[in-house]
Amino acid sequence: MKPHFAIPAAVGAMLLAACTMNPRTAGPAAEAMMQPTQGSKTQGVVRFQQHGDNVLVAASFTGLAPGGHGFHIHEKGDCSAPDASSAGGHFNPTGKPHGHPHTGEHHAGDLPMLTADANGNAALNATLTSITLREGASNIVGRAVIVHSDPDDFTTQPTGNSGGRLACGVIVAR
């Protein structure tokens, strides 16, 4: 009789994640280096990786107030205004209402909310289906990512009542 080996669930999950992150199966990649707006100390990086019809998002931030912060892709790749207003509104090529990216209708640029810890650090890993790094109307390369001062209520139109803009970065292909 052959011995039976069981793989612990955590090890299995890591192996599965490693397979899905295989660079040979990955599509285009992009990133946004996030710089603080005037009067803010928030900074970080957001990385995007195309995998089939999904885009994997990995973000890391410092300098936030503890708690929730709205997080969105905006229509223009322009962070030149001191308050990042030059980035325009949320990226919304399909004309949908603002909402949560994992439930119901939403802007293509609606991202899950960031939650900062007591030290002002936040990290986010998400899989999104309404954006792409490939050619087409939902392509986000050349647009801006914004971190906001307040939590996103995912209801108030058109911004989720997310408050001022704390950091801005232009999404560039890698």
N, C-alpha and C. Protein backbone atom coordinates (compact mmCIF):
# COMPACT_ATOMS: atom_id res chain seq x y z
N MET A 1 0.84 -1.17 0.00
CA MET A 1 0.00 0.00 0.00
C MET A 1 0.89 1.24 0.00
N LYS A 2 0.57 2.20 -0.88
CA LYS A 2 1.33 3.44 -0.95
C LYS A 2 0.95 4.35 0.21
N PRO A 3 1.93 5.12 0.74
CA PRO A 3 1.57 6.08 1.79
C PRO A 3 0.70 7.19 1.21
N HIS A 4 -0.16 7.74 2.02
CA HIS A 4 -1.06 8.82 1.63
C HIS A 4 -0.53 10.13 2.21
N PHE A 5 -0.34 11.11 1.35
CA PHE A 5 0.14 12.41 1.81
C PHE A 5 -0.96 13.44 1.60
N ALA A 6 -1.26 14.17 2.63
CA ALA A 6 -2.26 15.23 2.54
C ALA A 6 -1.56 16.57 2.50
N ILE A 7 -2.02 17.44 1.66
CA ILE A 7 -1.48 18.79 1.59
C ILE A 7 -2.35 19.68 2.46
N PRO A 8 -1.76 20.35 3.46
CA PRO A 8 -2.57 21.27 4.29
C PRO A 8 -3.24 22.33 3.41
N ALA A 9 -4.41 22.76 3.82
CA ALA A 9 -5.19 23.73 3.04
C ALA A 9 -4.39 25.00 2.75
N ALA A 10 -3.64 25.51 3.72
CA ALA A 10 -2.87 26.74 3.51
C ALA A 10 -1.81 26.55 2.43
N VAL A 11 -1.17 25.38 2.42
CA VAL A 11 -0.15 25.10 1.40
C VAL A 11 -0.82 24.99 0.04
N GLY A 12 -1.97 24.33 -0.02
CA GLY A 12 -2.71 24.22 -1.27
C GLY A 12 -3.10 25.58 -1.82
N ALA A 13 -3.54 26.47 -0.94
CA ALA A 13 -3.91 27.82 -1.37
C ALA A 13 -2.70 28.57 -1.92
N MET A 14 -1.55 28.41 -1.28
CA MET A 14 -0.33 29.07 -1.77
C MET A 14 0.07 28.53 -3.14
N LEU A 15 -0.03 27.21 -3.33
CA LEU A 15 0.30 26.62 -4.62
C LEU A 15 -0.65 27.12 -5.70
N LEU A 16 -1.94 27.19 -5.39
CA LEU A 16 -2.92 27.69 -6.34
C LEU A 16 -2.62 29.15 -6.70
N ALA A 17 -2.31 29.97 -5.70
CA ALA A 17 -1.98 31.38 -5.95
C ALA A 17 -0.74 31.49 -6.81
N ALA A 18 0.26 30.65 -6.54
CA ALA A 18 1.48 30.68 -7.34
C ALA A 18 1.19 30.33 -8.80
N CYS A 19 0.30 29.39 -9.02
CA CYS A 19 -0.07 29.01 -10.39
C CYS A 19 -0.78 30.16 -11.10
N THR A 20 -1.68 30.87 -10.40
CA THR A 20 -2.43 31.95 -11.03
C THR A 20 -1.56 33.18 -11.24
N MET A 21 -0.45 33.30 -10.52
CA MET A 21 0.44 34.44 -10.69
C MET A 21 1.61 34.11 -11.61
N ASN A 22 1.57 32.98 -12.31
CA ASN A 22 2.62 32.56 -13.19
C ASN A 22 2.84 33.61 -14.28
N PRO A 23 4.05 34.18 -14.36
CA PRO A 23 4.29 35.23 -15.35
C PRO A 23 4.06 34.76 -16.78
N ARG A 24 4.16 33.47 -17.04
CA ARG A 24 3.95 32.97 -18.39
C ARG A 24 2.47 33.04 -18.78
N THR A 25 1.56 33.07 -17.81
CA THR A 25 0.13 33.15 -18.12
C THR A 25 -0.41 34.56 -17.92
N ALA A 26 0.41 35.44 -17.43
CA ALA A 26 -0.04 36.81 -17.16
C ALA A 26 -0.01 37.63 -18.44
N GLY A 27 -0.90 38.61 -18.48
CA GLY A 27 -0.95 39.54 -19.60
C GLY A 27 -0.19 40.81 -19.25
N PRO A 28 -0.60 41.93 -19.83
CA PRO A 28 0.07 43.21 -19.60
C PRO A 28 0.04 43.61 -18.12
N ALA A 29 1.00 44.45 -17.75
CA ALA A 29 1.09 44.97 -16.38
C ALA A 29 1.23 46.49 -16.43
N ALA A 30 0.82 47.13 -15.34
CA ALA A 30 0.94 48.59 -15.22
C ALA A 30 1.08 48.95 -13.75
N GLU A 31 1.50 50.18 -13.48
CA GLU A 31 1.57 50.63 -12.09
C GLU A 31 1.40 52.14 -12.02
N ALA A 32 1.02 52.59 -10.83
CA ALA A 32 0.88 54.02 -10.55
C ALA A 32 1.66 54.32 -9.28
N MET A 33 2.64 55.20 -9.38
CA MET A 33 3.38 55.66 -8.21
C MET A 33 2.60 56.84 -7.63
N MET A 34 2.07 56.64 -6.43
CA MET A 34 1.15 57.60 -5.83
C MET A 34 1.91 58.68 -5.05
N GLN A 35 1.64 59.92 -5.39
CA GLN A 35 2.28 61.06 -4.75
C GLN A 35 1.24 61.88 -3.99
N PRO A 36 1.63 62.46 -2.84
CA PRO A 36 0.67 63.23 -2.05
C PRO A 36 0.21 64.50 -2.77
N THR A 37 -1.04 64.86 -2.53
CA THR A 37 -1.53 66.14 -2.99
C THR A 37 -1.07 67.20 -1.97
N GLN A 38 -1.30 68.46 -2.28
CA GLN A 38 -0.88 69.54 -1.41
C GLN A 38 -1.47 69.37 0.00
N GLY A 39 -0.59 69.39 1.02
CA GLY A 39 -1.02 69.27 2.41
C GLY A 39 -1.20 67.85 2.90
N SER A 40 -0.99 66.87 2.04
CA SER A 40 -1.16 65.46 2.40
C SER A 40 0.21 64.79 2.55
N LYS A 41 0.24 63.69 3.29
CA LYS A 41 1.46 62.88 3.43
C LYS A 41 1.26 61.48 2.85
N THR A 42 0.12 61.24 2.22
CA THR A 42 -0.20 59.92 1.69
C THR A 42 0.61 59.64 0.43
N GLN A 43 1.22 58.46 0.41
CA GLN A 43 1.94 58.01 -0.79
C GLN A 43 1.90 56.49 -0.86
N GLY A 44 2.24 55.96 -2.02
CA GLY A 44 2.22 54.51 -2.17
C GLY A 44 2.38 54.10 -3.61
N VAL A 45 2.01 52.84 -3.86
CA VAL A 45 2.10 52.28 -5.21
C VAL A 45 0.90 51.37 -5.44
N VAL A 46 0.40 51.40 -6.68
CA VAL A 46 -0.69 50.52 -7.10
C VAL A 46 -0.20 49.78 -8.33
N ARG A 47 -0.26 48.45 -8.27
CA ARG A 47 0.16 47.62 -9.40
C ARG A 47 -1.05 46.88 -9.97
N PHE A 48 -1.06 46.77 -11.29
CA PHE A 48 -2.14 46.11 -12.01
C PHE A 48 -1.54 45.02 -12.89
N GLN A 49 -2.19 43.86 -12.93
CA GLN A 49 -1.74 42.75 -13.76
C GLN A 49 -2.95 42.10 -14.43
N GLN A 50 -2.92 42.03 -15.74
CA GLN A 50 -4.00 41.38 -16.49
C GLN A 50 -3.83 39.86 -16.39
N HIS A 51 -4.89 39.16 -16.05
CA HIS A 51 -4.94 37.69 -16.04
C HIS A 51 -6.25 37.28 -16.68
N GLY A 52 -6.21 36.89 -17.94
CA GLY A 52 -7.43 36.56 -18.65
C GLY A 52 -8.32 37.79 -18.74
N ASP A 53 -9.58 37.65 -18.34
CA ASP A 53 -10.52 38.78 -18.37
C ASP A 53 -10.47 39.61 -17.09
N ASN A 54 -9.63 39.23 -16.14
CA ASN A 54 -9.56 39.92 -14.85
C ASN A 54 -8.30 40.78 -14.76
N VAL A 55 -8.37 41.80 -13.91
CA VAL A 55 -7.19 42.58 -13.57
C VAL A 55 -6.96 42.43 -12.07
N LEU A 56 -5.77 41.98 -11.71
CA LEU A 56 -5.39 41.87 -10.31
C LEU A 56 -4.80 43.21 -9.89
N VAL A 57 -5.25 43.72 -8.75
CA VAL A 57 -4.79 45.00 -8.22
C VAL A 57 -4.11 44.75 -6.89
N ALA A 58 -2.90 45.29 -6.73
CA ALA A 58 -2.17 45.20 -5.47
C ALA A 58 -1.73 46.62 -5.12
N ALA A 59 -2.17 47.11 -3.97
CA ALA A 59 -1.87 48.49 -3.56
C ALA A 59 -1.30 48.52 -2.16
N SER A 60 -0.43 49.48 -1.93
CA SER A 60 0.17 49.66 -0.61
C SER A 60 0.36 51.17 -0.37
N PHE A 61 -0.08 51.64 0.81
CA PHE A 61 -0.04 53.07 1.12
C PHE A 61 0.47 53.33 2.52
N THR A 62 1.05 54.51 2.70
CA THR A 62 1.43 55.03 4.01
C THR A 62 0.88 56.45 4.12
N GLY A 63 0.82 56.96 5.34
CA GLY A 63 0.43 58.36 5.56
C GLY A 63 -1.05 58.63 5.55
N LEU A 64 -1.87 57.61 5.76
CA LEU A 64 -3.32 57.79 5.81
C LEU A 64 -3.80 57.93 7.25
N ALA A 65 -4.93 58.59 7.43
CA ALA A 65 -5.59 58.57 8.74
C ALA A 65 -6.17 57.17 8.93
N PRO A 66 -6.17 56.65 10.13
CA PRO A 66 -6.78 55.32 10.35
C PRO A 66 -8.23 55.29 9.89
N GLY A 67 -8.66 54.15 9.32
CA GLY A 67 -10.03 53.99 8.86
C GLY A 67 -10.14 53.87 7.36
N GLY A 68 -11.37 54.04 6.85
CA GLY A 68 -11.66 53.84 5.44
C GLY A 68 -11.36 55.04 4.57
N HIS A 69 -10.99 54.74 3.32
CA HIS A 69 -10.66 55.77 2.32
C HIS A 69 -11.15 55.32 0.96
N GLY A 70 -11.92 56.20 0.29
CA GLY A 70 -12.33 55.92 -1.07
C GLY A 70 -11.12 55.77 -1.97
N PHE A 71 -11.25 54.94 -3.00
CA PHE A 71 -10.13 54.58 -3.86
C PHE A 71 -10.70 54.37 -5.26
N HIS A 72 -10.26 55.17 -6.23
CA HIS A 72 -10.88 55.15 -7.56
C HIS A 72 -9.88 55.39 -8.67
N ILE A 73 -10.21 54.87 -9.84
CA ILE A 73 -9.51 55.24 -11.07
C ILE A 73 -10.28 56.41 -11.65
N HIS A 74 -9.57 57.47 -12.00
CA HIS A 74 -10.20 58.68 -12.56
C HIS A 74 -9.92 58.77 -14.05
N GLU A 75 -10.75 59.57 -14.73
CA GLU A 75 -10.78 59.58 -16.19
C GLU A 75 -9.54 60.14 -16.87
N LYS A 76 -8.82 61.05 -16.24
CA LYS A 76 -7.67 61.69 -16.88
C LYS A 76 -6.38 61.33 -16.16
N GLY A 77 -5.35 61.08 -16.92
CA GLY A 77 -4.03 60.80 -16.35
C GLY A 77 -3.27 62.07 -16.08
N ASP A 78 -3.83 62.93 -15.24
CA ASP A 78 -3.25 64.24 -14.97
C ASP A 78 -3.33 64.54 -13.47
N CYS A 79 -2.19 64.53 -12.81
CA CYS A 79 -2.12 64.82 -11.37
C CYS A 79 -1.49 66.18 -11.11
N SER A 80 -1.52 67.07 -12.10
CA SER A 80 -0.78 68.33 -12.00
C SER A 80 -1.40 69.36 -11.05
N ALA A 81 -2.69 69.34 -10.84
CA ALA A 81 -3.32 70.31 -9.92
C ALA A 81 -2.92 69.98 -8.48
N PRO A 82 -2.70 70.98 -7.64
CA PRO A 82 -2.31 70.72 -6.25
C PRO A 82 -3.27 69.81 -5.48
N ASP A 83 -4.55 69.83 -5.86
CA ASP A 83 -5.56 68.98 -5.21
C ASP A 83 -5.95 67.78 -6.08
N ALA A 84 -5.22 67.55 -7.17
CA ALA A 84 -5.46 66.47 -8.13
C ALA A 84 -6.81 66.56 -8.83
N SER A 85 -7.44 67.72 -8.80
CA SER A 85 -8.71 67.89 -9.52
C SER A 85 -8.52 67.73 -11.03
N SER A 86 -7.29 67.89 -11.50
CA SER A 86 -6.98 67.73 -12.92
C SER A 86 -7.20 66.30 -13.41
N ALA A 87 -7.36 65.33 -12.50
CA ALA A 87 -7.62 63.94 -12.88
C ALA A 87 -9.07 63.72 -13.29
N GLY A 88 -9.92 64.73 -13.11
CA GLY A 88 -11.32 64.62 -13.51
C GLY A 88 -12.12 63.71 -12.59
N GLY A 89 -13.25 63.24 -13.10
CA GLY A 89 -14.14 62.38 -12.32
C GLY A 89 -13.76 60.92 -12.44
N HIS A 90 -14.59 60.07 -11.85
CA HIS A 90 -14.34 58.62 -11.91
C HIS A 90 -14.38 58.13 -13.36
N PHE A 91 -13.52 57.20 -13.66
CA PHE A 91 -13.50 56.56 -14.97
C PHE A 91 -14.79 55.76 -15.13
N ASN A 92 -15.59 56.10 -16.14
CA ASN A 92 -16.92 55.51 -16.28
C ASN A 92 -17.32 55.38 -17.76
N PRO A 93 -16.60 54.54 -18.52
CA PRO A 93 -16.87 54.46 -19.97
C PRO A 93 -18.23 53.86 -20.32
N THR A 94 -18.87 53.17 -19.38
CA THR A 94 -20.15 52.53 -19.68
C THR A 94 -21.35 53.30 -19.13
N GLY A 95 -21.12 54.46 -18.49
CA GLY A 95 -22.21 55.30 -18.00
C GLY A 95 -23.01 54.70 -16.86
N LYS A 96 -22.38 53.88 -16.04
CA LYS A 96 -23.07 53.24 -14.90
C LYS A 96 -23.07 54.17 -13.69
N PRO A 97 -23.96 53.93 -12.72
CA PRO A 97 -23.93 54.71 -11.47
C PRO A 97 -22.76 54.27 -10.60
N HIS A 98 -22.35 55.12 -9.68
CA HIS A 98 -21.30 54.77 -8.72
C HIS A 98 -21.79 53.63 -7.84
N GLY A 99 -20.90 52.71 -7.49
CA GLY A 99 -21.27 51.59 -6.64
C GLY A 99 -20.07 50.76 -6.25
N HIS A 100 -20.32 49.68 -5.55
CA HIS A 100 -19.24 48.79 -5.10
C HIS A 100 -18.78 47.92 -6.28
N PRO A 101 -17.47 47.77 -6.47
CA PRO A 101 -16.97 47.04 -7.64
C PRO A 101 -17.29 45.54 -7.65
N HIS A 102 -17.73 44.99 -6.54
CA HIS A 102 -18.01 43.56 -6.50
C HIS A 102 -19.50 43.23 -6.40
N THR A 103 -20.36 44.27 -6.40
CA THR A 103 -21.80 44.01 -6.33
C THR A 103 -22.55 45.03 -7.17
N GLY A 104 -23.37 44.56 -8.06
CA GLY A 104 -24.24 45.45 -8.84
C GLY A 104 -23.51 46.34 -9.81
N GLU A 105 -24.25 47.33 -10.31
CA GLU A 105 -23.67 48.27 -11.26
C GLU A 105 -22.71 49.23 -10.57
N HIS A 106 -21.69 49.64 -11.32
CA HIS A 106 -20.69 50.55 -10.77
C HIS A 106 -19.85 51.13 -11.91
N HIS A 107 -19.18 52.24 -11.60
CA HIS A 107 -18.22 52.80 -12.54
C HIS A 107 -17.11 51.79 -12.75
N ALA A 108 -16.52 51.76 -13.92
CA ALA A 108 -15.36 50.90 -14.15
C ALA A 108 -14.24 51.28 -13.18
N GLY A 109 -14.15 52.56 -12.84
CA GLY A 109 -13.10 53.04 -11.95
C GLY A 109 -13.36 52.89 -10.47
N ASP A 110 -14.49 52.32 -10.07
CA ASP A 110 -14.76 52.11 -8.65
C ASP A 110 -13.92 50.95 -8.14
N LEU A 111 -13.12 51.19 -7.12
CA LEU A 111 -12.26 50.18 -6.52
C LEU A 111 -12.74 49.89 -5.10
N PRO A 112 -12.37 48.73 -4.55
CA PRO A 112 -12.71 48.46 -3.14
C PRO A 112 -12.10 49.53 -2.24
N MET A 113 -12.72 49.76 -1.10
CA MET A 113 -12.24 50.78 -0.17
C MET A 113 -10.93 50.35 0.48
N LEU A 114 -10.04 51.32 0.67
CA LEU A 114 -8.82 51.09 1.44
C LEU A 114 -9.16 51.25 2.91
N THR A 115 -8.54 50.44 3.75
CA THR A 115 -8.70 50.60 5.20
C THR A 115 -7.33 50.69 5.83
N ALA A 116 -7.04 51.85 6.41
CA ALA A 116 -5.73 52.09 7.03
C ALA A 116 -5.75 51.64 8.48
N ASP A 117 -4.62 51.09 8.91
CA ASP A 117 -4.49 50.66 10.30
C ASP A 117 -4.16 51.86 11.20
N ALA A 118 -3.91 51.61 12.47
CA ALA A 118 -3.65 52.68 13.44
C ALA A 118 -2.39 53.47 13.10
N ASN A 119 -1.48 52.88 12.31
CA ASN A 119 -0.25 53.57 11.90
C ASN A 119 -0.38 54.28 10.56
N GLY A 120 -1.56 54.24 9.97
CA GLY A 120 -1.79 54.93 8.70
C GLY A 120 -1.37 54.14 7.47
N ASN A 121 -1.15 52.84 7.62
CA ASN A 121 -0.77 51.98 6.50
C ASN A 121 -1.98 51.22 5.99
N ALA A 122 -2.04 51.05 4.67
CA ALA A 122 -3.14 50.29 4.07
C ALA A 122 -2.59 49.45 2.93
N ALA A 123 -3.15 48.25 2.79
CA ALA A 123 -2.80 47.38 1.67
C ALA A 123 -4.10 46.81 1.12
N LEU A 124 -4.12 46.56 -0.17
CA LEU A 124 -5.32 46.04 -0.82
C LEU A 124 -4.89 45.09 -1.92
N ASN A 125 -5.54 43.95 -1.99
CA ASN A 125 -5.41 43.01 -3.11
C ASN A 125 -6.81 42.70 -3.58
N ALA A 126 -7.07 42.91 -4.86
CA ALA A 126 -8.42 42.70 -5.39
C ALA A 126 -8.34 42.19 -6.82
N THR A 127 -9.39 41.52 -7.23
CA THR A 127 -9.55 41.08 -8.61
C THR A 127 -10.76 41.80 -9.18
N LEU A 128 -10.55 42.48 -10.31
CA LEU A 128 -11.62 43.29 -10.92
C LEU A 128 -11.92 42.80 -12.32
N THR A 129 -13.18 42.93 -12.71
CA THR A 129 -13.62 42.46 -14.02
C THR A 129 -14.05 43.58 -14.96
N SER A 130 -14.17 44.81 -14.48
CA SER A 130 -14.72 45.89 -15.31
C SER A 130 -13.65 46.78 -15.93
N ILE A 131 -12.37 46.47 -15.71
CA ILE A 131 -11.28 47.24 -16.30
C ILE A 131 -10.37 46.28 -17.05
N THR A 132 -9.50 46.86 -17.88
CA THR A 132 -8.54 46.05 -18.62
C THR A 132 -7.26 46.84 -18.84
N LEU A 133 -6.19 46.11 -19.11
CA LEU A 133 -4.92 46.72 -19.52
C LEU A 133 -4.70 46.50 -21.01
N ARG A 134 -5.71 45.95 -21.67
CA ARG A 134 -5.67 45.72 -23.11
C ARG A 134 -6.42 46.84 -23.83
N GLU A 135 -6.29 46.88 -25.14
CA GLU A 135 -6.98 47.88 -25.94
C GLU A 135 -8.49 47.82 -25.70
N GLY A 136 -9.13 48.97 -25.76
CA GLY A 136 -10.59 49.01 -25.64
C GLY A 136 -11.05 50.12 -24.73
N ALA A 137 -12.35 50.30 -24.64
CA ALA A 137 -12.95 51.40 -23.89
C ALA A 137 -12.67 51.33 -22.39
N SER A 138 -12.42 50.14 -21.85
CA SER A 138 -12.20 49.99 -20.41
C SER A 138 -10.72 49.95 -20.03
N ASN A 139 -9.84 50.29 -20.98
CA ASN A 139 -8.40 50.30 -20.71
C ASN A 139 -8.06 51.44 -19.74
N ILE A 140 -7.31 51.12 -18.67
CA ILE A 140 -7.00 52.12 -17.65
C ILE A 140 -5.61 52.73 -17.78
N VAL A 141 -4.78 52.22 -18.69
CA VAL A 141 -3.43 52.77 -18.87
C VAL A 141 -3.56 54.22 -19.32
N GLY A 142 -2.82 55.11 -18.65
CA GLY A 142 -2.87 56.53 -18.96
C GLY A 142 -3.88 57.31 -18.14
N ARG A 143 -4.62 56.62 -17.29
CA ARG A 143 -5.58 57.28 -16.40
C ARG A 143 -4.93 57.46 -15.03
N ALA A 144 -5.62 58.09 -14.10
CA ALA A 144 -5.07 58.33 -12.76
C ALA A 144 -5.79 57.51 -11.71
N VAL A 145 -5.08 57.18 -10.65
CA VAL A 145 -5.65 56.55 -9.46
C VAL A 145 -5.64 57.61 -8.36
N ILE A 146 -6.72 57.67 -7.60
CA ILE A 146 -6.86 58.65 -6.51
C ILE A 146 -7.22 57.93 -5.22
N VAL A 147 -6.57 58.35 -4.12
CA VAL A 147 -6.98 57.94 -2.77
C VAL A 147 -7.65 59.15 -2.14
N HIS A 148 -8.83 58.93 -1.55
CA HIS A 148 -9.62 60.01 -0.98
C HIS A 148 -9.51 60.05 0.54
N SER A 149 -9.93 61.15 1.12
CA SER A 149 -9.81 61.37 2.57
C SER A 149 -10.86 60.64 3.40
N ASP A 150 -12.01 60.34 2.82
CA ASP A 150 -13.13 59.76 3.58
C ASP A 150 -13.52 58.39 3.05
N PRO A 151 -14.26 57.62 3.84
CA PRO A 151 -14.75 56.33 3.36
C PRO A 151 -15.71 56.51 2.18
N ASP A 152 -15.74 55.53 1.31
CA ASP A 152 -16.68 55.50 0.19
C ASP A 152 -17.96 54.85 0.68
N ASP A 153 -19.11 55.54 0.54
CA ASP A 153 -20.38 54.93 0.96
C ASP A 153 -20.98 54.06 -0.14
N PHE A 154 -20.37 54.04 -1.32
CA PHE A 154 -20.78 53.25 -2.48
C PHE A 154 -22.21 53.53 -2.93
N THR A 155 -22.79 54.64 -2.47
CA THR A 155 -24.17 54.97 -2.80
C THR A 155 -24.30 56.37 -3.39
N THR A 156 -23.71 57.38 -2.72
CA THR A 156 -23.84 58.77 -3.15
C THR A 156 -23.28 58.94 -4.56
N GLN A 157 -24.06 59.59 -5.41
CA GLN A 157 -23.67 59.80 -6.81
C GLN A 157 -23.06 61.19 -6.99
N PRO A 158 -22.02 61.31 -7.77
CA PRO A 158 -21.32 60.25 -8.49
C PRO A 158 -20.03 59.80 -7.80
N THR A 159 -19.78 60.23 -6.55
CA THR A 159 -18.44 60.02 -5.96
C THR A 159 -18.38 59.11 -4.74
N GLY A 160 -19.50 58.70 -4.20
CA GLY A 160 -19.47 57.89 -2.98
C GLY A 160 -19.20 58.71 -1.74
N ASN A 161 -19.28 60.05 -1.86
CA ASN A 161 -19.04 60.95 -0.72
C ASN A 161 -17.67 60.70 -0.09
N SER A 162 -16.67 60.48 -0.95
CA SER A 162 -15.34 60.08 -0.50
C SER A 162 -14.41 61.21 -0.07
N GLY A 163 -14.85 62.45 -0.23
CA GLY A 163 -14.05 63.57 0.26
C GLY A 163 -12.90 63.96 -0.65
N GLY A 164 -11.99 64.75 -0.07
CA GLY A 164 -10.87 65.30 -0.82
C GLY A 164 -9.90 64.24 -1.32
N ARG A 165 -9.00 64.67 -2.17
CA ARG A 165 -8.03 63.78 -2.81
C ARG A 165 -6.69 63.88 -2.07
N LEU A 166 -6.22 62.75 -1.55
CA LEU A 166 -5.00 62.72 -0.75
C LEU A 166 -3.75 62.36 -1.54
N ALA A 167 -3.90 61.53 -2.56
CA ALA A 167 -2.76 61.09 -3.37
C ALA A 167 -3.24 60.79 -4.77
N CYS A 168 -2.35 60.98 -5.73
CA CYS A 168 -2.67 60.77 -7.14
C CYS A 168 -1.48 60.14 -7.84
N GLY A 169 -1.76 59.22 -8.75
CA GLY A 169 -0.70 58.62 -9.57
C GLY A 169 -1.25 58.26 -10.94
N VAL A 170 -0.44 58.42 -11.96
CA VAL A 170 -0.83 58.07 -13.33
C VAL A 170 -0.46 56.61 -13.58
N ILE A 171 -1.38 55.88 -14.18
CA ILE A 171 -1.16 54.47 -14.48
C ILE A 171 -0.32 54.35 -15.76
N VAL A 172 0.85 53.74 -15.64
CA VAL A 172 1.74 53.57 -16.79
C VAL A 172 2.02 52.09 -17.01
N ALA A 173 2.13 51.69 -18.27
CA ALA A 173 2.44 50.31 -18.60
C ALA A 173 3.86 49.98 -18.12
N ARG A 174 4.05 48.73 -17.67
CA ARG A 174 5.40 48.28 -17.27
C ARG A 174 5.89 47.26 -18.25
